[in-house]
Amino acid sequence: MSWNERIKAAREAQKLTREQTVRKMRDYLPAGKTAAARTLVAWEQGDSEPKVTQAIALAQALGYHEVSELFSQADGPQLNRLGMDRLEEYRRLLLQSDEFREQPAVRRLRTLPVFLQPASAGTGQWLDDDLAEEMEVDDAVPARAEFGVRLAGDSMSPRFADGQIVWARKAEQAENGEIVLCVLNEQGYCKKLKYDADGVYLVSLNPAYEPIPVQENDEFRIAGVVVG
């Protein structure tokens, strides 16, 4: 029996679903690590192999005291207890080396400007302001983001909350339905842009707010398109 077949057999012997198995695995994984049922499917089918920390967590979730008991057995001659102990010693030695030990993901940081004056997710506040502070952000902020603006108001809830920073790419034009940071008559807004036969409207995601029409004589420009 191959190692991937043994994983499936061990899981089914304990009457565990894949979802239940990965939930148990999370109890043994290092902080910040996780597992998904689709990953377990790939292991059981032999399409991919678990990393060291994943293999250890999987073995413990399936009731094995040593990871080698789950992954080292194969058809033909088997290791005795002394051999299994030596195998576990070798695993521990490998984990002491940076060359073989799984490394934590490196957080890539960059700085982006965040404008100090808020954009309105309500009745309109000043956005056209050069004052900004540099904020260090990680990969949680979309790579396309070029600047951030803090919202004031709840007109874009539930997607965006009062006080939340929205991230945008610089743009002077936007497609129908995109969420934009814009300036209307010297007031800054975060709204969904709507074009139709009747004209241009700034639409709130909160239905308690009426759409704001952009009149022909209004001063209107788009500053950016929201990306996250």
C-alpha atoms as a PDB file:
ATOM      1  CA  MET A   1       0.000   0.000   0.000  1.00  0.00           C
ATOM      2  CA  SER A   2       1.420   3.384  -0.981  1.00  0.00           C
ATOM      3  CA  TRP A   3       1.653   6.266   1.490  1.00  0.00           C
ATOM      4  CA  ASN A   4      -1.220   8.161  -0.145  1.00  0.00           C
ATOM      5  CA  GLU A   5      -3.460   5.085  -0.055  1.00  0.00           C
ATOM      6  CA  ARG A   6      -2.515   4.606   3.596  1.00  0.00           C
ATOM      7  CA  ILE A   7      -3.596   8.177   4.397  1.00  0.00           C
ATOM      8  CA  LYS A   8      -7.044   7.540   2.956  1.00  0.00           C
ATOM      9  CA  ALA A   9      -7.323   4.140   4.629  1.00  0.00           C
ATOM     10  CA  ALA A  10      -6.346   5.567   8.027  1.00  0.00           C
ATOM     11  CA  ARG A  11      -8.855   8.395   7.694  1.00  0.00           C
ATOM     12  CA  GLU A  12     -11.673   6.073   6.674  1.00  0.00           C
ATOM     13  CA  ALA A  13     -10.799   3.620   9.446  1.00  0.00           C
ATOM     14  CA  GLN A  14     -11.474   6.410  11.944  1.00  0.00           C
ATOM     15  CA  LYS A  15     -14.651   7.376  10.072  1.00  0.00           C
ATOM     16  CA  LEU A  16     -13.388  10.924   9.547  1.00  0.00           C
ATOM     17  CA  THR A  17     -14.406  13.130   6.671  1.00  0.00           C
ATOM     18  CA  ARG A  18     -11.703  15.180   4.992  1.00  0.00           C
ATOM     19  CA  GLU A  19     -13.103  18.332   6.599  1.00  0.00           C
ATOM     20  CA  GLN A  20     -12.944  16.720  10.063  1.00  0.00           C
ATOM     21  CA  THR A  21      -9.376  15.558   9.400  1.00  0.00           C
ATOM     22  CA  VAL A  22      -8.046  18.989   8.438  1.00  0.00           C
ATOM     23  CA  ARG A  23      -9.805  20.542  11.443  1.00  0.00           C
ATOM     24  CA  LYS A  24      -7.920  18.100  13.684  1.00  0.00           C
ATOM     25  CA  MET A  25      -4.690  18.871  11.815  1.00  0.00           C
ATOM     26  CA  ARG A  26      -4.992  22.565  12.691  1.00  0.00           C
ATOM     27  CA  ASP A  27      -4.542  21.669  16.365  1.00  0.00           C
ATOM     28  CA  TYR A  28      -1.034  20.405  15.568  1.00  0.00           C
ATOM     29  CA  LEU A  29       0.093  22.873  12.912  1.00  0.00           C
ATOM     30  CA  PRO A  30       2.418  25.788  13.772  1.00  0.00           C
ATOM     31  CA  ALA A  31       0.830  29.172  14.370  1.00  0.00           C
ATOM     32  CA  GLY A  32      -0.219  30.812  11.130  1.00  0.00           C
ATOM     33  CA  LYS A  33      -0.337  27.537   9.207  1.00  0.00           C
ATOM     34  CA  THR A  34      -3.544  25.957   7.984  1.00  0.00           C
ATOM     35  CA  ALA A  35      -4.829  23.068   5.892  1.00  0.00           C
ATOM     36  CA  ALA A  36      -7.702  22.619   3.458  1.00  0.00           C
ATOM     37  CA  ALA A  37      -9.810  19.634   2.460  1.00  0.00           C
ATOM     38  CA  ARG A  38      -8.828  20.062  -1.206  1.00  0.00           C
ATOM     39  CA  THR A  39      -5.175  19.701  -0.188  1.00  0.00           C
ATOM     40  CA  LEU A  40      -5.963  16.425   1.570  1.00  0.00           C
ATOM     41  CA  VAL A  41      -7.688  15.216  -1.609  1.00  0.00           C
ATOM     42  CA  ALA A  42      -4.484  15.883  -3.562  1.00  0.00           C
ATOM     43  CA  TRP A  43      -2.433  13.940  -1.007  1.00  0.00           C
ATOM     44  CA  GLU A  44      -4.795  10.969  -1.043  1.00  0.00           C
ATOM     45  CA  GLN A  45      -4.684  10.891  -4.836  1.00  0.00           C
ATOM     46  CA  GLY A  46      -0.901  11.160  -4.890  1.00  0.00           C
ATOM     47  CA  ASP A  47      -0.987  14.434  -6.826  1.00  0.00           C
ATOM     48  CA  SER A  48       1.150  16.233  -4.233  1.00  0.00           C
ATOM     49  CA  GLU A  49       3.002  15.507  -0.997  1.00  0.00           C
ATOM     50  CA  PRO A  50       2.622  17.196   2.393  1.00  0.00           C
ATOM     51  CA  LYS A  51       5.415  19.350   3.755  1.00  0.00           C
ATOM     52  CA  VAL A  52       7.160  18.270   6.941  1.00  0.00           C
ATOM     53  CA  THR A  53       4.951  20.232   9.343  1.00  0.00           C
ATOM     54  CA  GLN A  54       1.828  19.122   7.463  1.00  0.00           C
ATOM     55  CA  ALA A  55       2.919  15.470   7.531  1.00  0.00           C
ATOM     56  CA  ILE A  56       3.511  15.620  11.291  1.00  0.00           C
ATOM     57  CA  ALA A  57       0.124  17.250  11.904  1.00  0.00           C
ATOM     58  CA  LEU A  58      -1.634  14.748   9.635  1.00  0.00           C
ATOM     59  CA  ALA A  59      -0.041  11.772  11.378  1.00  0.00           C
ATOM     60  CA  GLN A  60      -1.087  13.113  14.782  1.00  0.00           C
ATOM     61  CA  ALA A  61      -4.596  13.879  13.561  1.00  0.00           C
ATOM     62  CA  LEU A  62      -4.923  10.284  12.359  1.00  0.00           C
ATOM     63  CA  GLY A  63      -3.689   8.868  15.667  1.00  0.00           C
ATOM     64  CA  TYR A  64      -0.074   8.040  14.783  1.00  0.00           C
ATOM     65  CA  HIS A  65       2.534   8.776  17.428  1.00  0.00           C
ATOM     66  CA  GLU A  66       5.319   9.048  14.853  1.00  0.00           C
ATOM     67  CA  VAL A  67       5.030  10.448  11.367  1.00  0.00           C
ATOM     68  CA  SER A  68       7.266   7.650  10.089  1.00  0.00           C
ATOM     69  CA  GLU A  69       4.592   5.098  10.988  1.00  0.00           C
ATOM     70  CA  LEU A  70       2.271   6.693   8.448  1.00  0.00           C
ATOM     71  CA  PHE A  71       4.677   7.588   5.657  1.00  0.00           C
ATOM     72  CA  SER A  72       7.609   5.169   5.761  1.00  0.00           C
ATOM     73  CA  GLN A  73       5.818   1.840   5.484  1.00  0.00           C
ATOM     74  CA  ALA A  74       5.622   0.211   2.072  1.00  0.00           C
ATOM     75  CA  ASP A  75       4.915  -3.160   0.548  1.00  0.00           C
ATOM     76  CA  GLY A  76       7.700  -5.645   1.200  1.00  0.00           C
ATOM     77  CA  PRO A  77      10.078  -5.775   4.183  1.00  0.00           C
ATOM     78  CA  GLN A  78       9.192  -3.458   7.046  1.00  0.00           C
ATOM     79  CA  LEU A  79      11.355  -1.635   9.562  1.00  0.00           C
ATOM     80  CA  ASN A  80      11.395  -3.028  13.086  1.00  0.00           C
ATOM     81  CA  ARG A  81      11.053  -0.834  16.149  1.00  0.00           C
ATOM     82  CA  LEU A  82      14.796  -0.050  16.232  1.00  0.00           C
ATOM     83  CA  GLY A  83      14.671   0.961  12.565  1.00  0.00           C
ATOM     84  CA  MET A  84      11.643   3.134  13.182  1.00  0.00           C
ATOM     85  CA  ASP A  85      13.439   4.848  16.064  1.00  0.00           C
ATOM     86  CA  ARG A  86      16.494   5.510  13.888  1.00  0.00           C
ATOM     87  CA  LEU A  87      14.246   6.886  11.157  1.00  0.00           C
ATOM     88  CA  GLU A  88      12.662   9.280  13.646  1.00  0.00           C
ATOM     89  CA  GLU A  89      16.119  10.371  14.823  1.00  0.00           C
ATOM     90  CA  TYR A  90      17.033  11.134  11.216  1.00  0.00           C
ATOM     91  CA  ARG A  91      13.881  13.195  10.811  1.00  0.00           C
ATOM     92  CA  ARG A  92      14.779  15.233  13.902  1.00  0.00           C
ATOM     93  CA  LEU A  93      18.270  15.852  12.529  1.00  0.00           C
ATOM     94  CA  LEU A  94      16.825  17.055   9.233  1.00  0.00           C
ATOM     95  CA  LEU A  95      14.521  19.449  11.068  1.00  0.00           C
ATOM     96  CA  GLN A  96      17.541  21.029  12.758  1.00  0.00           C
ATOM     97  CA  SER A  97      18.903  22.107   9.388  1.00  0.00           C
ATOM     98  CA  ASP A  98      17.620  25.201   7.579  1.00  0.00           C
ATOM     99  CA  GLU A  99      18.185  23.334   4.323  1.00  0.00           C
ATOM    100  CA  PHE A 100      15.512  20.737   5.085  1.00  0.00           C
ATOM    101  CA  ARG A 101      13.213  22.432   7.603  1.00  0.00           C
ATOM    102  CA  GLU A 102      10.125  24.192   6.252  1.00  0.00           C
ATOM    103  CA  GLN A 103      10.583  27.922   6.637  1.00  0.00           C
ATOM    104  CA  PRO A 104       7.841  30.367   7.660  1.00  0.00           C
ATOM    105  CA  ALA A 105       6.439  32.495   4.900  1.00  0.00           C
ATOM    106  CA  VAL A 106       8.297  35.785   4.514  1.00  0.00           C
ATOM    107  CA  ARG A 107       6.064  38.825   4.900  1.00  0.00           C
ATOM    108  CA  ARG A 108       6.809  41.199   2.082  1.00  0.00           C
ATOM    109  CA  LEU A 109       6.278  44.772   3.207  1.00  0.00           C
ATOM    110  CA  ARG A 110       5.934  47.989   1.261  1.00  0.00           C
ATOM    111  CA  THR A 111       4.820  51.513   2.060  1.00  0.00           C
ATOM    112  CA  LEU A 112       1.808  53.276   0.603  1.00  0.00           C
ATOM    113  CA  PRO A 113       0.484  56.795   1.165  1.00  0.00           C
ATOM    114  CA  VAL A 114      -2.733  57.094   3.171  1.00  0.00           C
ATOM    115  CA  PHE A 115      -4.455  60.472   2.823  1.00  0.00           C
ATOM    116  CA  LEU A 116      -5.218  62.111   6.125  1.00  0.00           C
ATOM    117  CA  GLN A 117      -8.513  63.672   5.092  1.00  0.00           C
ATOM    118  CA  PRO A 118     -11.245  61.030   4.910  1.00  0.00           C
ATOM    119  CA  ALA A 119     -13.370  60.297   1.879  1.00  0.00           C
ATOM    120  CA  SER A 120     -17.048  60.261   2.636  1.00  0.00           C
ATOM    121  CA  ALA A 121     -19.041  57.103   2.739  1.00  0.00           C
ATOM    122  CA  GLY A 122     -21.902  59.381   3.660  1.00  0.00           C
ATOM    123  CA  THR A 123     -22.623  62.995   2.832  1.00  0.00           C
ATOM    124  CA  GLY A 124     -19.318  64.154   1.356  1.00  0.00           C
ATOM    125  CA  GLN A 125     -16.015  65.316   2.788  1.00  0.00           C
ATOM    126  CA  TRP A 126     -12.890  66.874   1.387  1.00  0.00           C
ATOM    127  CA  LEU A 127     -10.620  64.405  -0.437  1.00  0.00           C
ATOM    128  CA  ASP A 128      -8.513  66.627  -2.686  1.00  0.00           C
ATOM    129  CA  ASP A 129      -5.695  67.052  -0.154  1.00  0.00           C
ATOM    130  CA  ASP A 130      -1.965  66.497  -0.554  1.00  0.00           C
ATOM    131  CA  LEU A 131      -1.457  65.623   3.112  1.00  0.00           C
ATOM    132  CA  ALA A 132      -0.708  61.918   3.487  1.00  0.00           C
ATOM    133  CA  GLU A 133       1.172  59.606   5.812  1.00  0.00           C
ATOM    134  CA  GLU A 134       3.240  56.619   4.704  1.00  0.00           C
ATOM    135  CA  MET A 135       1.891  53.310   6.008  1.00  0.00           C
ATOM    136  CA  GLU A 136       3.731  49.991   5.947  1.00  0.00           C
ATOM    137  CA  VAL A 137       1.516  47.247   4.482  1.00  0.00           C
ATOM    138  CA  ASP A 138       1.927  43.566   3.658  1.00  0.00           C
ATOM    139  CA  ASP A 139       0.521  41.185   1.063  1.00  0.00           C
ATOM    140  CA  ALA A 140      -2.973  41.549   2.528  1.00  0.00           C
ATOM    141  CA  VAL A 141      -3.189  44.820   0.590  1.00  0.00           C
ATOM    142  CA  PRO A 142      -3.683  44.154  -3.152  1.00  0.00           C
ATOM    143  CA  ALA A 143      -0.559  44.590  -5.263  1.00  0.00           C
ATOM    144  CA  ARG A 144      -2.428  47.008  -7.535  1.00  0.00           C
ATOM    145  CA  ALA A 145      -3.056  49.447  -4.685  1.00  0.00           C
ATOM    146  CA  GLU A 146      -1.248  52.788  -5.001  1.00  0.00           C
ATOM    147  CA  PHE A 147      -2.786  54.771  -2.137  1.00  0.00           C
ATOM    148  CA  GLY A 148      -5.283  54.514   0.687  1.00  0.00           C
ATOM    149  CA  VAL A 149      -8.059  56.713   2.056  1.00  0.00           C
ATOM    150  CA  ARG A 150      -9.883  56.314   5.348  1.00  0.00           C
ATOM    151  CA  LEU A 151     -13.669  56.355   5.060  1.00  0.00           C
ATOM    152  CA  ALA A 152     -16.067  58.419   7.128  1.00  0.00           C
ATOM    153  CA  GLY A 153     -19.695  57.309   7.322  1.00  0.00           C
ATOM    154  CA  ASP A 154     -21.631  54.106   6.726  1.00  0.00           C
ATOM    155  CA  SER A 155     -23.071  54.556   3.241  1.00  0.00           C
ATOM    156  CA  MET A 156     -20.772  51.853   1.826  1.00  0.00           C
ATOM    157  CA  SER A 157     -21.576  49.265   4.471  1.00  0.00           C
ATOM    158  CA  PRO A 158     -21.646  46.354   4.797  1.00  0.00           C
ATOM    159  CA  ARG A 159     -18.654  46.028   2.440  1.00  0.00           C
ATOM    160  CA  PHE A 160     -16.762  48.989   3.879  1.00  0.00           C
ATOM    161  CA  ALA A 161     -17.106  50.192   7.462  1.00  0.00           C
ATOM    162  CA  ASP A 162     -16.852  53.655   8.967  1.00  0.00           C
ATOM    163  CA  GLY A 163     -13.174  54.388   9.635  1.00  0.00           C
ATOM    164  CA  GLN A 164     -11.892  51.612   7.368  1.00  0.00           C
ATOM    165  CA  ILE A 165      -9.016  52.298   4.979  1.00  0.00           C
ATOM    166  CA  VAL A 166      -9.881  51.534   1.364  1.00  0.00           C
ATOM    167  CA  TRP A 167      -7.075  50.915  -1.114  1.00  0.00           C
ATOM    168  CA  ALA A 168      -7.189  52.218  -4.651  1.00  0.00           C
ATOM    169  CA  ARG A 169      -5.202  52.467  -7.856  1.00  0.00           C
ATOM    170  CA  LYS A 170      -4.858  55.881  -9.460  1.00  0.00           C
ATOM    171  CA  ALA A 171      -7.317  56.426 -12.300  1.00  0.00           C
ATOM    172  CA  GLU A 172      -9.100  59.255 -14.022  1.00  0.00           C
ATOM    173  CA  GLN A 173     -11.715  57.004 -15.621  1.00  0.00           C
ATOM    174  CA  ALA A 174     -13.715  54.031 -14.396  1.00  0.00           C
ATOM    175  CA  GLU A 175     -16.105  51.430 -15.728  1.00  0.00           C
ATOM    176  CA  ASN A 176     -19.794  51.338 -14.916  1.00  0.00           C
ATOM    177  CA  GLY A 177     -20.275  49.540 -11.598  1.00  0.00           C
ATOM    178  CA  GLU A 178     -16.752  50.098 -10.240  1.00  0.00           C
ATOM    179  CA  ILE A 179     -16.280  51.599  -6.797  1.00  0.00           C
ATOM    180  CA  VAL A 180     -14.367  54.851  -7.059  1.00  0.00           C
ATOM    181  CA  LEU A 181     -12.793  57.575  -4.982  1.00  0.00           C
ATOM    182  CA  CYS A 182     -13.952  60.791  -6.568  1.00  0.00           C
ATOM    183  CA  VAL A 183     -14.394  64.534  -6.039  1.00  0.00           C
ATOM    184  CA  LEU A 184     -17.758  66.167  -6.662  1.00  0.00           C
ATOM    185  CA  ASN A 185     -17.903  69.935  -6.178  1.00  0.00           C
ATOM    186  CA  GLU A 186     -14.853  69.856  -3.880  1.00  0.00           C
ATOM    187  CA  GLN A 187     -16.258  67.038  -1.748  1.00  0.00           C
ATOM    188  CA  GLY A 188     -14.573  63.634  -1.633  1.00  0.00           C
ATOM    189  CA  TYR A 189     -16.632  60.458  -1.939  1.00  0.00           C
ATOM    190  CA  CYS A 190     -16.249  56.699  -2.038  1.00  0.00           C
ATOM    191  CA  LYS A 191     -19.146  55.462  -4.157  1.00  0.00           C
ATOM    192  CA  LYS A 192     -20.185  52.958  -6.778  1.00  0.00           C
ATOM    193  CA  LEU A 193     -20.178  54.593 -10.198  1.00  0.00           C
ATOM    194  CA  LYS A 194     -23.318  54.185 -12.259  1.00  0.00           C
ATOM    195  CA  TYR A 195     -23.868  55.209 -15.862  1.00  0.00           C
ATOM    196  CA  ASP A 196     -27.305  54.910 -17.467  1.00  0.00           C
ATOM    197  CA  ALA A 197     -29.519  56.697 -19.962  1.00  0.00           C
ATOM    198  CA  ASP A 198     -30.408  59.321 -17.349  1.00  0.00           C
ATOM    199  CA  GLY A 199     -26.826  60.296 -16.593  1.00  0.00           C
ATOM    200  CA  VAL A 200     -24.092  59.607 -14.034  1.00  0.00           C
ATOM    201  CA  TYR A 201     -24.806  58.691 -10.409  1.00  0.00           C
ATOM    202  CA  LEU A 202     -22.759  58.007  -7.283  1.00  0.00           C
ATOM    203  CA  VAL A 203     -24.432  55.060  -5.609  1.00  0.00           C
ATOM    204  CA  SER A 204     -24.117  53.929  -1.995  1.00  0.00           C
ATOM    205  CA  LEU A 205     -24.058  50.238  -1.069  1.00  0.00           C
ATOM    206  CA  ASN A 206     -26.187  51.054   1.972  1.00  0.00           C
ATOM    207  CA  PRO A 207     -29.780  51.328   0.678  1.00  0.00           C
ATOM    208  CA  ALA A 208     -30.550  53.971   3.306  1.00  0.00           C
ATOM    209  CA  TYR A 209     -28.736  56.514   1.122  1.00  0.00           C
ATOM    210  CA  GLU A 210     -30.125  57.894  -2.118  1.00  0.00           C
ATOM    211  CA  PRO A 211     -27.922  57.971  -5.254  1.00  0.00           C
ATOM    212  CA  ILE A 212     -26.175  61.285  -5.847  1.00  0.00           C
ATOM    213  CA  PRO A 213     -26.689  62.586  -9.393  1.00  0.00           C
ATOM    214  CA  VAL A 214     -23.771  64.231 -11.170  1.00  0.00           C
ATOM    215  CA  GLN A 215     -25.208  67.273 -12.928  1.00  0.00           C
ATOM    216  CA  GLU A 216     -23.898  68.706 -16.190  1.00  0.00           C
ATOM    217  CA  ASN A 217     -22.471  71.815 -14.511  1.00  0.00           C
ATOM    218  CA  ASP A 218     -20.932  69.978 -11.547  1.00  0.00           C
ATOM    219  CA  GLU A 219     -17.184  69.785 -11.060  1.00  0.00           C
ATOM    220  CA  PHE A 220     -16.537  66.046 -11.036  1.00  0.00           C
ATOM    221  CA  ARG A 221     -13.436  63.936 -11.378  1.00  0.00           C
ATOM    222  CA  ILE A 222     -12.325  60.442 -10.483  1.00  0.00           C
ATOM    223  CA  ALA A 223      -9.218  60.082  -8.326  1.00  0.00           C
ATOM    224  CA  GLY A 224      -8.955  56.285  -8.155  1.00  0.00           C
ATOM    225  CA  VAL A 225     -10.648  52.914  -8.455  1.00  0.00           C
ATOM    226  CA  VAL A 226     -10.972  50.886  -5.251  1.00  0.00           C
ATOM    227  CA  VAL A 227      -9.128  47.540  -5.350  1.00  0.00           C
ATOM    228  CA  GLY A 228      -9.511  46.443  -1.754  1.00  0.00           C
END
